[in-house]
């Protein structure tokens, strides 16, 4: 078993996570985060649309972040953990 987060390629709403919309000032950070994470998440089966939706939701809930934290957050949310759960 790997310690690496293994999120499933699903839309946020498909896993019970309300899809968030970033404020105007958060749109570019969401876009940048999605682009930085795109290769890793497409390798796991995510579509571009799913990556963009997760990034918008992440930035609207948490704020800007880095790729490892973003992917861990997706994994936690898909497992039903709260957005602010750190472990």
N, C-alpha and C. Protein backbone atom coordinates (compact mmCIF):
# COMPACT_ATOMS: atom_id res chain seq x y z
N UNK A 1 0.85 -1.19 0.00
CA UNK A 1 0.00 0.00 0.00
C UNK A 1 0.88 1.24 0.00
N UNK A 2 0.56 2.19 -0.82
CA UNK A 2 1.34 3.40 -0.97
C UNK A 2 0.86 4.48 0.00
N UNK A 3 1.81 5.31 0.46
CA UNK A 3 1.45 6.45 1.29
C UNK A 3 1.03 7.63 0.44
N UNK A 4 1.22 7.51 -0.87
CA UNK A 4 0.86 8.58 -1.80
C UNK A 4 -0.65 8.66 -1.91
N UNK A 5 -1.21 9.86 -1.83
CA UNK A 5 -2.66 9.99 -2.02
C UNK A 5 -3.07 9.47 -3.39
N UNK A 6 -4.18 8.80 -3.46
CA UNK A 6 -4.67 8.22 -4.71
C UNK A 6 -6.11 8.67 -4.98
N UNK A 7 -6.30 9.96 -5.28
CA UNK A 7 -7.67 10.39 -5.57
C UNK A 7 -8.20 9.73 -6.84
N UNK A 8 -9.51 9.56 -6.86
CA UNK A 8 -10.18 8.95 -8.00
C UNK A 8 -10.57 10.02 -9.00
N UNK A 9 -10.55 9.71 -10.29
CA UNK A 9 -10.93 10.69 -11.30
C UNK A 9 -12.44 10.90 -11.36
N UNK A 10 -12.94 11.78 -10.50
CA UNK A 10 -14.35 12.11 -10.43
C UNK A 10 -14.49 13.61 -10.27
N UNK A 11 -15.67 14.14 -10.59
CA UNK A 11 -15.97 15.53 -10.32
C UNK A 11 -16.21 15.70 -8.83
N UNK A 12 -15.97 16.91 -8.29
CA UNK A 12 -16.22 17.12 -6.86
C UNK A 12 -17.65 16.74 -6.45
N UNK A 13 -18.64 17.17 -7.23
CA UNK A 13 -20.03 16.91 -6.86
C UNK A 13 -20.36 15.42 -6.87
N UNK A 14 -19.64 14.63 -7.65
CA UNK A 14 -19.87 13.19 -7.69
C UNK A 14 -19.42 12.49 -6.42
N UNK A 15 -18.59 13.16 -5.62
CA UNK A 15 -18.13 12.58 -4.37
C UNK A 15 -18.75 13.27 -3.17
N UNK A 16 -19.76 14.11 -3.42
CA UNK A 16 -20.45 14.78 -2.33
C UNK A 16 -19.79 16.07 -1.88
N UNK A 17 -18.83 16.56 -2.65
CA UNK A 17 -18.15 17.82 -2.33
C UNK A 17 -18.84 18.93 -3.11
N UNK A 18 -19.43 19.91 -2.40
CA UNK A 18 -20.07 21.00 -3.13
C UNK A 18 -19.04 21.76 -3.95
N UNK A 19 -19.33 21.94 -5.21
CA UNK A 19 -18.38 22.60 -6.10
C UNK A 19 -18.36 24.09 -5.80
N UNK A 20 -17.18 24.60 -5.52
CA UNK A 20 -17.03 26.01 -5.17
C UNK A 20 -16.63 26.84 -6.37
N UNK A 21 -16.99 28.09 -6.32
CA UNK A 21 -16.58 29.05 -7.35
C UNK A 21 -15.69 30.09 -6.68
N UNK A 22 -14.48 30.24 -7.18
CA UNK A 22 -13.58 31.21 -6.59
C UNK A 22 -14.04 32.63 -6.84
N UNK A 23 -13.61 33.53 -5.94
CA UNK A 23 -13.84 34.95 -6.14
C UNK A 23 -13.01 35.39 -7.33
N UNK A 24 -13.31 36.58 -7.84
CA UNK A 24 -12.57 37.09 -9.01
C UNK A 24 -11.07 37.05 -8.79
N UNK A 25 -10.63 37.39 -7.59
CA UNK A 25 -9.19 37.42 -7.31
C UNK A 25 -8.59 36.03 -7.18
N UNK A 26 -9.43 34.99 -7.12
CA UNK A 26 -8.95 33.62 -6.97
C UNK A 26 -8.96 32.84 -8.28
N UNK A 27 -9.48 33.43 -9.33
CA UNK A 27 -9.60 32.71 -10.60
C UNK A 27 -8.23 32.34 -11.16
N UNK A 28 -7.32 33.30 -11.19
CA UNK A 28 -5.99 33.01 -11.74
C UNK A 28 -5.23 32.01 -10.88
N UNK A 29 -5.22 32.11 -9.53
CA UNK A 29 -4.57 31.07 -8.73
C UNK A 29 -5.16 29.68 -8.97
N UNK A 30 -6.47 29.58 -9.19
CA UNK A 30 -7.10 28.29 -9.47
C UNK A 30 -6.62 27.75 -10.82
N UNK A 31 -6.53 28.63 -11.79
CA UNK A 31 -6.06 28.24 -13.12
C UNK A 31 -4.61 27.75 -13.06
N UNK A 32 -3.77 28.49 -12.33
CA UNK A 32 -2.36 28.11 -12.19
C UNK A 32 -2.21 26.77 -11.49
N UNK A 33 -2.96 26.57 -10.40
CA UNK A 33 -2.89 25.32 -9.66
C UNK A 33 -3.33 24.15 -10.54
N UNK A 34 -4.40 24.33 -11.28
CA UNK A 34 -4.88 23.28 -12.18
C UNK A 34 -3.81 22.93 -13.21
N UNK A 35 -3.18 23.94 -13.77
CA UNK A 35 -2.15 23.70 -14.79
C UNK A 35 -0.93 23.00 -14.20
N UNK A 36 -0.55 23.39 -12.98
CA UNK A 36 0.61 22.77 -12.33
C UNK A 36 0.34 21.31 -11.98
N UNK A 37 -0.90 20.98 -11.64
CA UNK A 37 -1.25 19.62 -11.23
C UNK A 37 -1.71 18.75 -12.39
N UNK A 38 -1.92 19.34 -13.54
CA UNK A 38 -2.55 18.65 -14.67
C UNK A 38 -1.85 17.35 -15.06
N UNK A 39 -0.53 17.37 -15.21
CA UNK A 39 0.18 16.15 -15.63
C UNK A 39 -0.01 15.01 -14.63
N UNK A 40 0.13 15.32 -13.34
CA UNK A 40 -0.01 14.27 -12.33
C UNK A 40 -1.43 13.72 -12.29
N UNK A 41 -2.42 14.61 -12.41
CA UNK A 41 -3.81 14.15 -12.31
C UNK A 41 -4.29 13.48 -13.60
N UNK A 42 -3.83 13.93 -14.76
CA UNK A 42 -4.22 13.23 -15.99
C UNK A 42 -3.60 11.84 -16.02
N UNK A 43 -2.40 11.69 -15.45
CA UNK A 43 -1.80 10.36 -15.34
C UNK A 43 -2.65 9.43 -14.48
N UNK A 44 -3.47 9.99 -13.60
CA UNK A 44 -4.34 9.20 -12.72
C UNK A 44 -5.74 9.05 -13.30
N UNK A 45 -5.96 9.59 -14.50
CA UNK A 45 -7.23 9.40 -15.18
C UNK A 45 -8.18 10.58 -15.12
N UNK A 46 -7.79 11.68 -14.51
CA UNK A 46 -8.66 12.85 -14.44
C UNK A 46 -8.73 13.53 -15.81
N UNK A 47 -9.90 14.06 -16.14
CA UNK A 47 -10.04 14.86 -17.35
C UNK A 47 -9.65 16.30 -17.04
N UNK A 48 -9.43 17.09 -18.08
CA UNK A 48 -9.12 18.50 -17.87
C UNK A 48 -10.24 19.20 -17.11
N UNK A 49 -11.48 18.90 -17.47
CA UNK A 49 -12.62 19.53 -16.80
C UNK A 49 -12.65 19.17 -15.31
N UNK A 50 -12.41 17.92 -14.98
CA UNK A 50 -12.39 17.51 -13.56
C UNK A 50 -11.28 18.24 -12.80
N UNK A 51 -10.12 18.34 -13.40
CA UNK A 51 -9.00 19.04 -12.75
C UNK A 51 -9.37 20.50 -12.51
N UNK A 52 -9.94 21.15 -13.50
CA UNK A 52 -10.33 22.55 -13.35
C UNK A 52 -11.39 22.72 -12.25
N UNK A 53 -12.36 21.81 -12.20
CA UNK A 53 -13.42 21.89 -11.17
C UNK A 53 -12.83 21.71 -9.78
N UNK A 54 -11.95 20.72 -9.61
CA UNK A 54 -11.32 20.50 -8.31
C UNK A 54 -10.47 21.71 -7.92
N UNK A 55 -9.72 22.27 -8.85
CA UNK A 55 -8.87 23.43 -8.53
C UNK A 55 -9.71 24.63 -8.12
N UNK A 56 -10.81 24.88 -8.83
CA UNK A 56 -11.69 26.00 -8.46
C UNK A 56 -12.28 25.78 -7.07
N UNK A 57 -12.69 24.56 -6.79
CA UNK A 57 -13.27 24.25 -5.49
C UNK A 57 -12.22 24.39 -4.39
N UNK A 58 -11.02 23.87 -4.63
CA UNK A 58 -9.94 23.96 -3.65
C UNK A 58 -9.62 25.42 -3.32
N UNK A 59 -9.41 26.22 -4.34
CA UNK A 59 -9.03 27.62 -4.12
C UNK A 59 -10.17 28.39 -3.45
N UNK A 60 -11.42 28.08 -3.78
CA UNK A 60 -12.53 28.78 -3.14
C UNK A 60 -12.68 28.39 -1.67
N UNK A 61 -12.30 27.17 -1.31
CA UNK A 61 -12.41 26.72 0.09
C UNK A 61 -11.15 26.98 0.90
N UNK A 62 -9.99 26.74 0.30
CA UNK A 62 -8.72 26.74 1.04
C UNK A 62 -7.87 27.95 0.70
N UNK A 63 -7.90 28.37 -0.55
CA UNK A 63 -7.01 29.42 -1.02
C UNK A 63 -5.94 28.80 -1.90
N UNK A 64 -5.02 29.62 -2.39
CA UNK A 64 -3.95 29.09 -3.25
C UNK A 64 -3.13 28.04 -2.50
N UNK A 65 -2.55 27.13 -3.24
CA UNK A 65 -1.75 26.09 -2.60
C UNK A 65 -0.79 25.47 -3.58
N UNK A 66 -0.08 24.45 -3.10
CA UNK A 66 0.86 23.74 -3.97
C UNK A 66 0.24 22.42 -4.42
N UNK A 67 0.86 21.82 -5.40
CA UNK A 67 0.30 20.61 -6.02
C UNK A 67 0.18 19.45 -5.02
N UNK A 68 1.23 19.12 -4.24
CA UNK A 68 1.07 17.98 -3.31
C UNK A 68 -0.07 18.19 -2.31
N UNK A 69 -0.20 19.40 -1.80
CA UNK A 69 -1.28 19.68 -0.85
C UNK A 69 -2.64 19.59 -1.52
N UNK A 70 -2.72 20.08 -2.74
CA UNK A 70 -3.96 20.02 -3.52
C UNK A 70 -4.38 18.57 -3.76
N UNK A 71 -3.46 17.72 -4.18
CA UNK A 71 -3.78 16.32 -4.45
C UNK A 71 -4.16 15.59 -3.16
N UNK A 72 -3.47 15.87 -2.07
CA UNK A 72 -3.84 15.27 -0.78
C UNK A 72 -5.24 15.71 -0.38
N UNK A 73 -5.55 16.98 -0.60
CA UNK A 73 -6.87 17.51 -0.26
C UNK A 73 -7.96 16.81 -1.06
N UNK A 74 -7.75 16.60 -2.37
CA UNK A 74 -8.73 15.87 -3.18
C UNK A 74 -8.95 14.48 -2.59
N UNK A 75 -7.86 13.80 -2.27
CA UNK A 75 -7.96 12.45 -1.71
C UNK A 75 -8.75 12.46 -0.40
N UNK A 76 -8.45 13.39 0.49
CA UNK A 76 -9.18 13.48 1.78
C UNK A 76 -10.66 13.76 1.56
N UNK A 77 -10.96 14.69 0.65
CA UNK A 77 -12.36 15.04 0.40
C UNK A 77 -13.12 13.87 -0.19
N UNK A 78 -12.47 13.12 -1.07
CA UNK A 78 -13.14 11.95 -1.66
C UNK A 78 -13.39 10.87 -0.61
N UNK A 79 -12.56 10.81 0.41
CA UNK A 79 -12.76 9.82 1.48
C UNK A 79 -13.72 10.34 2.54
N UNK A 80 -14.24 11.55 2.33
CA UNK A 80 -15.25 12.08 3.23
C UNK A 80 -14.71 12.91 4.37
N UNK A 81 -13.43 13.24 4.35
CA UNK A 81 -12.85 14.08 5.40
C UNK A 81 -13.26 15.52 5.20
N UNK A 82 -13.30 16.27 6.27
CA UNK A 82 -13.62 17.70 6.20
C UNK A 82 -12.55 18.43 5.44
N UNK A 83 -12.90 19.58 4.90
CA UNK A 83 -11.97 20.37 4.11
C UNK A 83 -10.74 20.80 4.91
N UNK A 84 -10.90 21.04 6.21
CA UNK A 84 -9.77 21.51 7.00
C UNK A 84 -9.07 20.37 7.75
N UNK A 85 -9.45 19.13 7.47
CA UNK A 85 -8.81 17.96 8.08
C UNK A 85 -7.41 17.83 7.51
N UNK A 86 -6.42 17.78 8.37
CA UNK A 86 -5.03 17.69 7.90
C UNK A 86 -4.46 16.30 8.03
N UNK A 87 -5.20 15.35 8.38
CA UNK A 87 -4.62 14.03 8.46
C UNK A 87 -5.62 13.02 8.71
